[in-house]
Amino acid sequence: MQIEEQVPLAPLTTFCIGGPARYFVRVKTVEELQQSLDFSKSRNLEILLLGEGSNVLVSDAGFDGLVIKIELSGVEQKDGVLVAAAGENWDALVECAVSEGLWGIENLSGIPGTVGAAPVQNIGAYGSEVKDTLVWVEAFDTQSDAVTRINNVDCMFGYRTSRFKKEPGRFIILRAAFKLNKNGAPNASYKDLVDCGKLNITQVREKVLAVRAGKFPDLKKEGTAGSFFLNPVVSAQKAAELLEKYPGLPQFPAESGVKVSLAWLLDNVLQIKGLSVGGARLYEKQPLVIAARRGTSASDVAELAQKVSQLVQDKFKITIEPEVKIIN
């Protein structure tokens, strides 16, 4: 294990934005993770866990603590259960499942990031979420300094949230297991996939990748962290009021109310696709996404996000929250 100092974080995030980490370490084993935690404790350092940096915006000043980049590796499959280490690439795992004819996570194709980050965010797309197939995670519990197994029900999954977000800093995911199905069928519940009912699993994956390509920037050309904002969850009364005022507004059941489509409101009511601050802008093909030209500052992205939030508050009296983790 090697502790480095003043390591630039921008190249380690999909936004390609951010200053340096005061301390930085790559961990490939549980033992190295424990050593890293001991190092942080001995110096009273804040910790930032990093996978592939696909859901973070690091400040221009960087991070004045220890960044632990999770690089645990390994994938195994037995009786339809796919177990992967936290540092494995998520889409590579989906590709592996599809190549084995295992249904269940194909609609989550193309999502950047690592396996370990997927349960934290309960990533979801096109009618599927991680919680639908996850059996358990193994995690290092920083309270007990021990590895523990946490079953699906105890992960406290919700819309883009989980126990791991609700108890920040406690659990560091090491592995995750997914129950998949050799005899599955396409999940065509999402409007862009309605014609997928008779496709095989490989064709479904190809369709999902094509849909995503039409909605998200090319990471080879500019930075993004995907959807920057969460869809707001409002009361049933508020949802009814919005629907009456804006017929056609998509709405969905949620754990604590009704989820309304922020993208629809930004596009059809506020009409702010392309709104920009410096090198950051709301992506023309999907207004939940902030795209950033190379060289854009974190402050530009943050200012744009604040401007969008204020417009939504002023127009709809709705408070929106970022889906992206902002590191100050």
C-alpha atoms as a PDB file:
ATOM      1  CA  MET A   1       0.000   0.000   0.000  1.00  0.00           C
ATOM      2  CA  GLN A   2       1.357   3.371  -1.029  1.00  0.00           C
ATOM      3  CA  ILE A   3       0.036   6.668   0.322  1.00  0.00           C
ATOM      4  CA  GLU A   4       0.505   9.458  -2.219  1.00  0.00           C
ATOM      5  CA  GLU A   5       0.169  13.199  -1.669  1.00  0.00           C
ATOM      6  CA  GLN A   6      -1.388  15.998  -3.740  1.00  0.00           C
ATOM      7  CA  VAL A   7      -2.839  13.658  -6.373  1.00  0.00           C
ATOM      8  CA  PRO A   8      -5.018  15.423  -8.993  1.00  0.00           C
ATOM      9  CA  LEU A   9      -8.607  14.146  -8.797  1.00  0.00           C
ATOM     10  CA  ALA A  10      -9.972  15.606 -12.038  1.00  0.00           C
ATOM     11  CA  PRO A  11      -8.607  12.742 -14.202  1.00  0.00           C
ATOM     12  CA  LEU A  12     -10.211  10.242 -11.809  1.00  0.00           C
ATOM     13  CA  THR A  13     -13.756  11.590 -12.281  1.00  0.00           C
ATOM     14  CA  THR A  14     -16.075  11.566 -15.277  1.00  0.00           C
ATOM     15  CA  PHE A  15     -16.624  15.315 -14.867  1.00  0.00           C
ATOM     16  CA  CYS A  16     -12.840  15.737 -15.289  1.00  0.00           C
ATOM     17  CA  ILE A  17     -13.089  18.497 -12.688  1.00  0.00           C
ATOM     18  CA  GLY A  18     -11.527  19.025  -9.288  1.00  0.00           C
ATOM     19  CA  GLY A  19      -8.378  19.863  -7.383  1.00  0.00           C
ATOM     20  CA  PRO A  20      -5.966  17.462  -5.682  1.00  0.00           C
ATOM     21  CA  ALA A  21      -6.363  15.028  -2.826  1.00  0.00           C
ATOM     22  CA  ARG A  22      -4.132  15.821   0.145  1.00  0.00           C
ATOM     23  CA  TYR A  23      -3.576  12.074   0.529  1.00  0.00           C
ATOM     24  CA  PHE A  24      -4.502   9.306  -1.902  1.00  0.00           C
ATOM     25  CA  VAL A  25      -4.323   5.520  -1.809  1.00  0.00           C
ATOM     26  CA  ARG A  26      -5.442   2.650  -4.011  1.00  0.00           C
ATOM     27  CA  VAL A  27      -6.681  -0.416  -2.112  1.00  0.00           C
ATOM     28  CA  LYS A  28      -6.878  -3.870  -3.651  1.00  0.00           C
ATOM     29  CA  THR A  29      -7.454  -5.954  -0.507  1.00  0.00           C
ATOM     30  CA  VAL A  30      -9.374  -5.735   2.756  1.00  0.00           C
ATOM     31  CA  GLU A  31      -6.041  -5.586   4.578  1.00  0.00           C
ATOM     32  CA  GLU A  32      -4.987  -2.518   2.596  1.00  0.00           C
ATOM     33  CA  LEU A  33      -8.350  -0.939   3.326  1.00  0.00           C
ATOM     34  CA  GLN A  34      -7.837  -1.490   7.057  1.00  0.00           C
ATOM     35  CA  GLN A  35      -4.353   0.025   6.841  1.00  0.00           C
ATOM     36  CA  SER A  36      -5.767   3.043   5.011  1.00  0.00           C
ATOM     37  CA  LEU A  37      -8.408   3.562   7.671  1.00  0.00           C
ATOM     38  CA  ASP A  38      -5.749   3.297  10.369  1.00  0.00           C
ATOM     39  CA  PHE A  39      -3.718   5.945   8.552  1.00  0.00           C
ATOM     40  CA  SER A  40      -6.713   8.303   8.408  1.00  0.00           C
ATOM     41  CA  LYS A  41      -7.463   7.795  12.105  1.00  0.00           C
ATOM     42  CA  SER A  42      -3.874   8.425  13.132  1.00  0.00           C
ATOM     43  CA  ARG A  43      -3.984  11.812  11.394  1.00  0.00           C
ATOM     44  CA  ASN A  44      -7.636  12.627  12.038  1.00  0.00           C
ATOM     45  CA  LEU A  45      -8.343  12.805   8.306  1.00  0.00           C
ATOM     46  CA  GLU A  46     -11.724  12.884   6.599  1.00  0.00           C
ATOM     47  CA  ILE A  47     -12.199  10.029   4.112  1.00  0.00           C
ATOM     48  CA  LEU A  48     -13.556  10.084   0.580  1.00  0.00           C
ATOM     49  CA  LEU A  49     -14.251   6.726  -1.076  1.00  0.00           C
ATOM     50  CA  LEU A  50     -13.775   6.767  -4.834  1.00  0.00           C
ATOM     51  CA  GLY A  51     -14.701   4.189  -7.447  1.00  0.00           C
ATOM     52  CA  GLU A  52     -14.674   5.480 -11.005  1.00  0.00           C
ATOM     53  CA  GLY A  53     -15.709   8.994  -9.996  1.00  0.00           C
ATOM     54  CA  SER A  54     -18.904   8.909 -12.043  1.00  0.00           C
ATOM     55  CA  ASN A  55     -21.228  10.476  -9.472  1.00  0.00           C
ATOM     56  CA  VAL A  56     -19.079  13.169  -7.846  1.00  0.00           C
ATOM     57  CA  LEU A  57     -18.238  16.809  -8.370  1.00  0.00           C
ATOM     58  CA  VAL A  58     -14.938  17.618  -6.650  1.00  0.00           C
ATOM     59  CA  SER A  59     -14.345  21.255  -5.730  1.00  0.00           C
ATOM     60  CA  ASP A  60     -11.634  23.259  -7.448  1.00  0.00           C
ATOM     61  CA  ALA A  61      -9.738  23.270  -4.142  1.00  0.00           C
ATOM     62  CA  GLY A  62      -9.689  19.468  -4.036  1.00  0.00           C
ATOM     63  CA  PHE A  63     -10.133  17.306  -0.941  1.00  0.00           C
ATOM     64  CA  ASP A  64      -8.212  17.974   2.276  1.00  0.00           C
ATOM     65  CA  GLY A  65      -8.251  14.402   3.540  1.00  0.00           C
ATOM     66  CA  LEU A  66      -7.598  10.833   2.410  1.00  0.00           C
ATOM     67  CA  VAL A  67      -9.115   9.606  -0.856  1.00  0.00           C
ATOM     68  CA  ILE A  68      -9.401   5.817  -0.871  1.00  0.00           C
ATOM     69  CA  LYS A  69      -9.807   4.457  -4.383  1.00  0.00           C
ATOM     70  CA  ILE A  70     -11.495   1.064  -4.201  1.00  0.00           C
ATOM     71  CA  GLU A  71      -9.850  -1.393  -6.606  1.00  0.00           C
ATOM     72  CA  LEU A  72     -10.920  -4.755  -5.172  1.00  0.00           C
ATOM     73  CA  SER A  73     -11.406  -7.181  -8.081  1.00  0.00           C
ATOM     74  CA  GLY A  74     -12.945 -10.530  -8.920  1.00  0.00           C
ATOM     75  CA  VAL A  75     -16.175 -11.962 -10.343  1.00  0.00           C
ATOM     76  CA  GLU A  76     -17.694 -15.401  -9.808  1.00  0.00           C
ATOM     77  CA  GLN A  77     -20.959 -16.999 -10.874  1.00  0.00           C
ATOM     78  CA  LYS A  78     -22.780 -19.980  -9.439  1.00  0.00           C
ATOM     79  CA  ASP A  79     -26.380 -21.114  -9.908  1.00  0.00           C
ATOM     80  CA  GLY A  80     -27.464 -17.776 -11.337  1.00  0.00           C
ATOM     81  CA  VAL A  81     -25.894 -15.717  -8.553  1.00  0.00           C
ATOM     82  CA  LEU A  82     -23.272 -13.296  -9.811  1.00  0.00           C
ATOM     83  CA  VAL A  83     -20.843 -12.082  -7.128  1.00  0.00           C
ATOM     84  CA  ALA A  84     -18.513  -9.199  -7.921  1.00  0.00           C
ATOM     85  CA  ALA A  85     -15.934  -7.243  -5.974  1.00  0.00           C
ATOM     86  CA  ALA A  86     -16.551  -3.560  -5.330  1.00  0.00           C
ATOM     87  CA  GLY A  87     -13.862  -2.295  -7.682  1.00  0.00           C
ATOM     88  CA  GLU A  88     -15.201  -4.093 -10.753  1.00  0.00           C
ATOM     89  CA  ASN A  89     -16.650  -1.928 -13.514  1.00  0.00           C
ATOM     90  CA  TRP A  90     -20.454  -2.032 -13.369  1.00  0.00           C
ATOM     91  CA  ASP A  91     -21.105  -2.181 -17.104  1.00  0.00           C
ATOM     92  CA  ALA A  92     -18.501  -4.929 -17.513  1.00  0.00           C
ATOM     93  CA  LEU A  93     -20.487  -6.934 -14.965  1.00  0.00           C
ATOM     94  CA  VAL A  94     -23.693  -6.340 -16.934  1.00  0.00           C
ATOM     95  CA  GLU A  95     -21.926  -7.424 -20.107  1.00  0.00           C
ATOM     96  CA  CYS A  96     -20.745 -10.570 -18.309  1.00  0.00           C
ATOM     97  CA  ALA A  97     -24.298 -11.375 -17.188  1.00  0.00           C
ATOM     98  CA  VAL A  98     -25.665 -10.840 -20.678  1.00  0.00           C
ATOM     99  CA  SER A  99     -22.966 -13.046 -22.231  1.00  0.00           C
ATOM    100  CA  GLU A 100     -24.020 -15.808 -19.816  1.00  0.00           C
ATOM    101  CA  GLY A 101     -27.691 -15.329 -20.701  1.00  0.00           C
ATOM    102  CA  LEU A 102     -28.542 -14.151 -17.193  1.00  0.00           C
ATOM    103  CA  TRP A 103     -31.494 -11.748 -17.102  1.00  0.00           C
ATOM    104  CA  GLY A 104     -32.071  -9.060 -14.500  1.00  0.00           C
ATOM    105  CA  ILE A 105     -29.573  -6.211 -14.907  1.00  0.00           C
ATOM    106  CA  GLU A 106     -29.513  -5.737 -18.694  1.00  0.00           C
ATOM    107  CA  ASN A 107     -31.612  -2.524 -18.429  1.00  0.00           C
ATOM    108  CA  LEU A 108     -28.785  -1.085 -16.308  1.00  0.00           C
ATOM    109  CA  SER A 109     -26.345  -1.358 -19.214  1.00  0.00           C
ATOM    110  CA  GLY A 110     -24.057   1.573 -19.866  1.00  0.00           C
ATOM    111  CA  ILE A 111     -24.215   3.126 -16.394  1.00  0.00           C
ATOM    112  CA  PRO A 112     -20.692   4.267 -15.505  1.00  0.00           C
ATOM    113  CA  GLY A 113     -19.169   3.435 -12.144  1.00  0.00           C
ATOM    114  CA  THR A 114     -18.197   0.456 -10.017  1.00  0.00           C
ATOM    115  CA  VAL A 115     -20.082  -2.461  -8.513  1.00  0.00           C
ATOM    116  CA  GLY A 116     -19.449  -1.122  -5.007  1.00  0.00           C
ATOM    117  CA  ALA A 117     -21.063   2.214  -5.781  1.00  0.00           C
ATOM    118  CA  ALA A 118     -24.170   0.684  -7.378  1.00  0.00           C
ATOM    119  CA  PRO A 119     -25.989  -0.331  -4.143  1.00  0.00           C
ATOM    120  CA  VAL A 120     -25.078   2.941  -2.395  1.00  0.00           C
ATOM    121  CA  GLN A 121     -27.023   4.912  -4.972  1.00  0.00           C
ATOM    122  CA  ASN A 122     -29.467   2.102  -5.774  1.00  0.00           C
ATOM    123  CA  ILE A 123     -28.722   2.914  -9.385  1.00  0.00           C
ATOM    124  CA  GLY A 124     -31.655   2.623 -11.728  1.00  0.00           C
ATOM    125  CA  ALA A 125     -32.651   3.113 -15.342  1.00  0.00           C
ATOM    126  CA  TYR A 126     -35.418   2.159 -17.740  1.00  0.00           C
ATOM    127  CA  GLY A 127     -37.655   0.471 -15.192  1.00  0.00           C
ATOM    128  CA  SER A 128     -34.950  -1.411 -13.262  1.00  0.00           C
ATOM    129  CA  GLU A 129     -33.015  -0.756 -10.065  1.00  0.00           C
ATOM    130  CA  VAL A 130     -30.157  -2.541  -8.317  1.00  0.00           C
ATOM    131  CA  LYS A 131     -32.483  -3.484  -5.456  1.00  0.00           C
ATOM    132  CA  ASP A 132     -34.497  -5.689  -7.843  1.00  0.00           C
ATOM    133  CA  THR A 133     -31.727  -8.297  -8.116  1.00  0.00           C
ATOM    134  CA  LEU A 134     -29.294  -7.649  -5.255  1.00  0.00           C
ATOM    135  CA  VAL A 135     -29.161 -10.495  -2.713  1.00  0.00           C
ATOM    136  CA  TRP A 136     -26.529  -9.184  -0.310  1.00  0.00           C
ATOM    137  CA  VAL A 137     -23.480  -7.017   0.044  1.00  0.00           C
ATOM    138  CA  GLU A 138     -20.379  -7.678   2.078  1.00  0.00           C
ATOM    139  CA  ALA A 139     -19.101  -4.532   3.705  1.00  0.00           C
ATOM    140  CA  PHE A 140     -16.434  -3.396   6.118  1.00  0.00           C
ATOM    141  CA  ASP A 141     -18.199  -1.902   9.135  1.00  0.00           C
ATOM    142  CA  THR A 142     -16.027   0.953  10.404  1.00  0.00           C
ATOM    143  CA  GLN A 143     -17.864   0.910  13.743  1.00  0.00           C
ATOM    144  CA  SER A 144     -16.961  -2.693  14.570  1.00  0.00           C
ATOM    145  CA  ASP A 145     -13.836  -2.953  12.367  1.00  0.00           C
ATOM    146  CA  ALA A 146     -15.245  -6.193  10.927  1.00  0.00           C
ATOM    147  CA  VAL A 147     -16.579  -7.525   7.644  1.00  0.00           C
ATOM    148  CA  THR A 148     -20.329  -8.045   7.710  1.00  0.00           C
ATOM    149  CA  ARG A 149     -22.931  -9.344   5.259  1.00  0.00           C
ATOM    150  CA  ILE A 150     -26.030  -7.197   4.760  1.00  0.00           C
ATOM    151  CA  ASN A 151     -29.089  -8.724   3.072  1.00  0.00           C
ATOM    152  CA  ASN A 152     -31.273  -6.843   0.599  1.00  0.00           C
ATOM    153  CA  VAL A 153     -34.014  -5.957   3.091  1.00  0.00           C
ATOM    154  CA  ASP A 154     -31.473  -4.491   5.504  1.00  0.00           C
ATOM    155  CA  CYS A 155     -30.004  -2.244   2.808  1.00  0.00           C
ATOM    156  CA  MET A 156     -33.028   0.079   3.213  1.00  0.00           C
ATOM    157  CA  PHE A 157     -33.287   0.770  -0.504  1.00  0.00           C
ATOM    158  CA  GLY A 158     -35.302   3.675  -1.845  1.00  0.00           C
ATOM    159  CA  TYR A 159     -35.275   6.003  -4.837  1.00  0.00           C
ATOM    160  CA  ARG A 160     -31.532   6.609  -5.421  1.00  0.00           C
ATOM    161  CA  THR A 161     -30.806   5.928  -1.782  1.00  0.00           C
ATOM    162  CA  SER A 162     -29.908   3.167   0.642  1.00  0.00           C
ATOM    163  CA  ARG A 163     -28.686   2.492   4.150  1.00  0.00           C
ATOM    164  CA  PHE A 164     -25.196   3.266   2.886  1.00  0.00           C
ATOM    165  CA  LYS A 165     -26.223   6.833   2.087  1.00  0.00           C
ATOM    166  CA  LYS A 166     -28.290   7.180   5.251  1.00  0.00           C
ATOM    167  CA  GLU A 167     -25.354   6.070   7.432  1.00  0.00           C
ATOM    168  CA  PRO A 168     -22.497   7.810   5.600  1.00  0.00           C
ATOM    169  CA  GLY A 169     -19.029   6.626   6.459  1.00  0.00           C
ATOM    170  CA  ARG A 170     -20.070   3.522   8.334  1.00  0.00           C
ATOM    171  CA  PHE A 171     -20.002   0.810   5.665  1.00  0.00           C
ATOM    172  CA  ILE A 172     -17.467   0.309   2.879  1.00  0.00           C
ATOM    173  CA  ILE A 173     -18.830  -2.171   0.351  1.00  0.00           C
ATOM    174  CA  LEU A 174     -16.432  -4.983  -0.573  1.00  0.00           C
ATOM    175  CA  ARG A 175     -18.586  -7.332  -2.680  1.00  0.00           C
ATOM    176  CA  ALA A 176     -22.130  -7.578  -3.975  1.00  0.00           C
ATOM    177  CA  ALA A 177     -24.228 -10.557  -5.072  1.00  0.00           C
ATOM    178  CA  PHE A 178     -27.012 -10.508  -7.654  1.00  0.00           C
ATOM    179  CA  LYS A 179     -29.643 -13.179  -8.282  1.00  0.00           C
ATOM    180  CA  LEU A 180     -30.223 -13.414 -12.017  1.00  0.00           C
ATOM    181  CA  ASN A 181     -32.409 -15.643 -14.167  1.00  0.00           C
ATOM    182  CA  LYS A 182     -31.653 -17.870 -17.138  1.00  0.00           C
ATOM    183  CA  ASN A 183     -35.340 -17.877 -18.066  1.00  0.00           C
ATOM    184  CA  GLY A 184     -36.008 -14.145 -17.872  1.00  0.00           C
ATOM    185  CA  ALA A 185     -37.820 -11.839 -20.245  1.00  0.00           C
ATOM    186  CA  PRO A 186     -37.373  -8.224 -21.331  1.00  0.00           C
ATOM    187  CA  ASN A 187     -38.471  -5.477 -18.946  1.00  0.00           C
ATOM    188  CA  ALA A 188     -40.187  -3.183 -21.441  1.00  0.00           C
ATOM    189  CA  SER A 189     -42.001  -1.022 -18.880  1.00  0.00           C
ATOM    190  CA  TYR A 190     -40.042   2.118 -19.807  1.00  0.00           C
ATOM    191  CA  LYS A 191     -41.427   4.088 -22.730  1.00  0.00           C
ATOM    192  CA  ASP A 192     -38.200   3.963 -24.751  1.00  0.00           C
ATOM    193  CA  LEU A 193     -38.119   0.163 -24.501  1.00  0.00           C
ATOM    194  CA  VAL A 194     -41.742  -0.665 -25.340  1.00  0.00           C
ATOM    195  CA  ASP A 195     -40.674  -2.416 -28.554  1.00  0.00           C
ATOM    196  CA  CYS A 196     -38.259  -4.748 -26.711  1.00  0.00           C
ATOM    197  CA  GLY A 197     -40.814  -7.399 -25.735  1.00  0.00           C
ATOM    198  CA  LYS A 198     -39.583 -10.020 -28.194  1.00  0.00           C
ATOM    199  CA  LEU A 199     -35.876  -9.228 -28.168  1.00  0.00           C
ATOM    200  CA  ASN A 200     -33.242 -11.555 -26.744  1.00  0.00           C
ATOM    201  CA  ILE A 201     -31.037 -10.407 -23.882  1.00  0.00           C
ATOM    202  CA  THR A 202     -28.181  -9.262 -26.136  1.00  0.00           C
ATOM    203  CA  GLN A 203     -30.564  -7.200 -28.238  1.00  0.00           C
ATOM    204  CA  VAL A 204     -32.083  -5.619 -25.119  1.00  0.00           C
ATOM    205  CA  ARG A 205     -28.635  -4.553 -23.955  1.00  0.00           C
ATOM    206  CA  GLU A 206     -27.871  -3.092 -27.382  1.00  0.00           C
ATOM    207  CA  LYS A 207     -31.161  -1.187 -27.328  1.00  0.00           C
ATOM    208  CA  VAL A 208     -30.494   0.225 -23.864  1.00  0.00           C
ATOM    209  CA  LEU A 209     -26.996   1.322 -24.872  1.00  0.00           C
ATOM    210  CA  ALA A 210     -28.418   3.033 -27.943  1.00  0.00           C
ATOM    211  CA  VAL A 211     -31.047   4.876 -25.878  1.00  0.00           C
ATOM    212  CA  ARG A 212     -28.411   6.027 -23.393  1.00  0.00           C
ATOM    213  CA  ALA A 213     -26.119   7.202 -26.185  1.00  0.00           C
ATOM    214  CA  GLY A 214     -28.904   9.496 -27.352  1.00  0.00           C
ATOM    215  CA  LYS A 215     -29.372  11.080 -23.933  1.00  0.00           C
ATOM    216  CA  PHE A 216     -25.911  11.464 -22.419  1.00  0.00           C
ATOM    217  CA  PRO A 217     -22.752  13.282 -23.545  1.00  0.00           C
ATOM    218  CA  ASP A 218     -19.806  11.374 -24.964  1.00  0.00           C
ATOM    219  CA  LEU A 219     -17.333  11.133 -22.082  1.00  0.00           C
ATOM    220  CA  LYS A 220     -14.488  11.120 -24.582  1.00  0.00           C
ATOM    221  CA  LYS A 221     -15.414  14.672 -25.569  1.00  0.00           C
ATOM    222  CA  GLU A 222     -16.779  16.364 -22.436  1.00  0.00           C
ATOM    223  CA  GLY A 223     -17.378  15.718 -18.770  1.00  0.00           C
ATOM    224  CA  THR A 224     -20.568  14.760 -16.987  1.00  0.00           C
ATOM    225  CA  ALA A 225     -21.809  12.805 -13.994  1.00  0.00           C
ATOM    226  CA  GLY A 226     -25.012  11.741 -15.723  1.00  0.00           C
ATOM    227  CA  SER A 227     -28.264  12.962 -14.195  1.00  0.00           C
ATOM    228  CA  PHE A 228     -27.237  15.789 -11.887  1.00  0.00           C
ATOM    229  CA  PHE A 229     -30.628  16.197 -10.186  1.00  0.00           C
ATOM    230  CA  LEU A 230     -33.035  13.802  -8.509  1.00  0.00           C
ATOM    231  CA  ASN A 231     -36.633  13.786  -9.631  1.00  0.00           C
ATOM    232  CA  PRO A 232     -38.559  15.455  -6.793  1.00  0.00           C
ATOM    233  CA  VAL A 233     -40.945  13.438  -4.644  1.00  0.00           C
ATOM    234  CA  VAL A 234     -43.963  15.542  -3.660  1.00  0.00           C
ATOM    235  CA  SER A 235     -47.212  15.008  -1.799  1.00  0.00           C
ATOM    236  CA  ALA A 236     -50.222  13.561  -3.614  1.00  0.00           C
ATOM    237  CA  GLN A 237     -51.935  16.937  -3.315  1.00  0.00           C
ATOM    238  CA  LYS A 238     -48.970  18.784  -4.834  1.00  0.00           C
ATOM    239  CA  ALA A 239     -48.726  16.208  -7.620  1.00  0.00           C
ATOM    240  CA  ALA A 240     -52.409  16.690  -8.439  1.00  0.00           C
ATOM    241  CA  GLU A 241     -51.991  20.461  -8.506  1.00  0.00           C
ATOM    242  CA  LEU A 242     -49.032  20.185 -10.865  1.00  0.00           C
ATOM    243  CA  LEU A 243     -50.852  17.779 -13.159  1.00  0.00           C
ATOM    244  CA  GLU A 244     -53.866  20.062 -13.331  1.00  0.00           C
ATOM    245  CA  LYS A 245     -51.673  22.998 -14.262  1.00  0.00           C
ATOM    246  CA  TYR A 246     -49.359  21.033 -16.560  1.00  0.00           C
ATOM    247  CA  PRO A 247     -51.292  18.204 -18.250  1.00  0.00           C
ATOM    248  CA  GLY A 248     -48.995  15.465 -19.483  1.00  0.00           C
ATOM    249  CA  LEU A 249     -46.515  15.758 -16.618  1.00  0.00           C
ATOM    250  CA  PRO A 250     -45.233  12.196 -16.004  1.00  0.00           C
ATOM    251  CA  GLN A 251     -45.737  11.010 -12.419  1.00  0.00           C
ATOM    252  CA  PHE A 252     -44.777   7.789 -10.653  1.00  0.00           C
ATOM    253  CA  PRO A 253     -45.520   6.209  -7.262  1.00  0.00           C
ATOM    254  CA  ALA A 254     -42.760   6.727  -4.691  1.00  0.00           C
ATOM    255  CA  GLU A 255     -42.041   5.583  -1.139  1.00  0.00           C
ATOM    256  CA  SER A 256     -43.205   8.798   0.488  1.00  0.00           C
ATOM    257  CA  GLY A 257     -45.371  10.484  -2.115  1.00  0.00           C
ATOM    258  CA  VAL A 258     -45.393  10.944  -5.877  1.00  0.00           C
ATOM    259  CA  LYS A 259     -42.293  11.282  -8.025  1.00  0.00           C
ATOM    260  CA  VAL A 260     -42.655  13.857 -10.801  1.00  0.00           C
ATOM    261  CA  SER A 261     -40.491  14.168 -13.894  1.00  0.00           C
ATOM    262  CA  LEU A 262     -38.087  17.051 -13.404  1.00  0.00           C
ATOM    263  CA  ALA A 263     -36.762  16.625 -16.946  1.00  0.00           C
ATOM    264  CA  TRP A 264     -40.274  17.199 -18.315  1.00  0.00           C
ATOM    265  CA  LEU A 265     -40.710  20.368 -16.266  1.00  0.00           C
ATOM    266  CA  LEU A 266     -37.303  21.722 -17.261  1.00  0.00           C
ATOM    267  CA  ASP A 267     -37.939  20.973 -20.916  1.00  0.00           C
ATOM    268  CA  ASN A 268     -41.637  21.669 -21.431  1.00  0.00           C
ATOM    269  CA  VAL A 269     -42.322  24.451 -18.930  1.00  0.00           C
ATOM    270  CA  LEU A 270     -39.076  26.246 -18.130  1.00  0.00           C
ATOM    271  CA  GLN A 271     -37.566  25.385 -21.534  1.00  0.00           C
ATOM    272  CA  ILE A 272     -33.999  25.737 -20.297  1.00  0.00           C
ATOM    273  CA  LYS A 273     -32.112  23.070 -22.221  1.00  0.00           C
ATOM    274  CA  GLY A 274     -28.719  24.550 -23.045  1.00  0.00           C
ATOM    275  CA  LEU A 275     -28.748  26.982 -20.101  1.00  0.00           C
ATOM    276  CA  SER A 276     -25.091  27.602 -19.282  1.00  0.00           C
ATOM    277  CA  VAL A 277     -22.661  29.097 -16.810  1.00  0.00           C
ATOM    278  CA  GLY A 278     -19.079  29.269 -18.041  1.00  0.00           C
ATOM    279  CA  GLY A 279     -18.208  25.906 -19.541  1.00  0.00           C
ATOM    280  CA  ALA A 280     -21.132  24.072 -17.908  1.00  0.00           C
ATOM    281  CA  ARG A 281     -24.554  23.677 -19.512  1.00  0.00           C
ATOM    282  CA  LEU A 282     -27.776  21.695 -19.275  1.00  0.00           C
ATOM    283  CA  TYR A 283     -27.377  19.041 -21.921  1.00  0.00           C
ATOM    284  CA  GLU A 284     -29.469  19.640 -25.009  1.00  0.00           C
ATOM    285  CA  LYS A 285     -30.772  16.063 -25.181  1.00  0.00           C
ATOM    286  CA  GLN A 286     -31.534  15.595 -21.461  1.00  0.00           C
ATOM    287  CA  PRO A 287     -31.925  18.591 -19.126  1.00  0.00           C
ATOM    288  CA  LEU A 288     -31.291  16.557 -15.962  1.00  0.00           C
ATOM    289  CA  VAL A 289     -27.707  16.219 -17.202  1.00  0.00           C
ATOM    290  CA  ILE A 290     -25.009  18.849 -16.764  1.00  0.00           C
ATOM    291  CA  ALA A 291     -22.275  18.648 -19.390  1.00  0.00           C
ATOM    292  CA  ALA A 292     -18.927  20.378 -18.950  1.00  0.00           C
ATOM    293  CA  ARG A 293     -16.360  21.339 -21.549  1.00  0.00           C
ATOM    294  CA  ARG A 294     -12.754  20.438 -20.763  1.00  0.00           C
ATOM    295  CA  GLY A 295     -11.325  23.046 -18.411  1.00  0.00           C
ATOM    296  CA  THR A 296     -14.659  23.904 -16.798  1.00  0.00           C
ATOM    297  CA  SER A 297     -14.455  24.741 -13.091  1.00  0.00           C
ATOM    298  CA  ALA A 298     -16.457  23.093 -10.340  1.00  0.00           C
ATOM    299  CA  SER A 299     -17.756  26.539  -9.395  1.00  0.00           C
ATOM    300  CA  ASP A 300     -19.300  26.892 -12.879  1.00  0.00           C
ATOM    301  CA  VAL A 301     -21.142  23.584 -12.441  1.00  0.00           C
ATOM    302  CA  ALA A 302     -22.257  24.492  -8.920  1.00  0.00           C
ATOM    303  CA  GLU A 303     -23.501  27.911 -10.015  1.00  0.00           C
ATOM    304  CA  LEU A 304     -25.482  26.383 -12.879  1.00  0.00           C
ATOM    305  CA  ALA A 305     -27.012  23.800 -10.538  1.00  0.00           C
ATOM    306  CA  GLN A 306     -27.988  26.544  -8.106  1.00  0.00           C
ATOM    307  CA  LYS A 307     -29.552  28.583 -10.904  1.00  0.00           C
ATOM    308  CA  VAL A 308     -31.650  25.594 -12.012  1.00  0.00           C
ATOM    309  CA  SER A 309     -32.714  24.904  -8.419  1.00  0.00           C
ATOM    310  CA  GLN A 310     -33.796  28.508  -7.966  1.00  0.00           C
ATOM    311  CA  LEU A 311     -35.795  28.531 -11.202  1.00  0.00           C
ATOM    312  CA  VAL A 312     -37.619  25.364 -10.140  1.00  0.00           C
ATOM    313  CA  GLN A 313     -38.304  26.775  -6.672  1.00  0.00           C
ATOM    314  CA  ASP A 314     -39.611  30.053  -8.043  1.00  0.00           C
ATOM    315  CA  LYS A 315     -41.826  28.489 -10.721  1.00  0.00           C
ATOM    316  CA  PHE A 316     -43.139  25.324  -9.044  1.00  0.00           C
ATOM    317  CA  LYS A 317     -42.429  25.861  -5.330  1.00  0.00           C
ATOM    318  CA  ILE A 318     -40.464  22.592  -5.370  1.00  0.00           C
ATOM    319  CA  THR A 319     -37.071  22.047  -3.768  1.00  0.00           C
ATOM    320  CA  ILE A 320     -34.813  19.813  -5.853  1.00  0.00           C
ATOM    321  CA  GLU A 321     -31.712  17.977  -4.697  1.00  0.00           C
ATOM    322  CA  PRO A 322     -28.557  16.911  -6.521  1.00  0.00           C
ATOM    323  CA  GLU A 323     -28.102  13.241  -7.326  1.00  0.00           C
ATOM    324  CA  VAL A 324     -24.387  13.908  -7.685  1.00  0.00           C
ATOM    325  CA  LYS A 325     -22.259  13.942  -4.534  1.00  0.00           C
ATOM    326  CA  ILE A 326     -20.623  17.354  -4.185  1.00  0.00           C
ATOM    327  CA  ILE A 327     -17.178  17.277  -2.540  1.00  0.00           C
ATOM    328  CA  ASN A 328     -16.153  20.593  -0.992  1.00  0.00           C
END
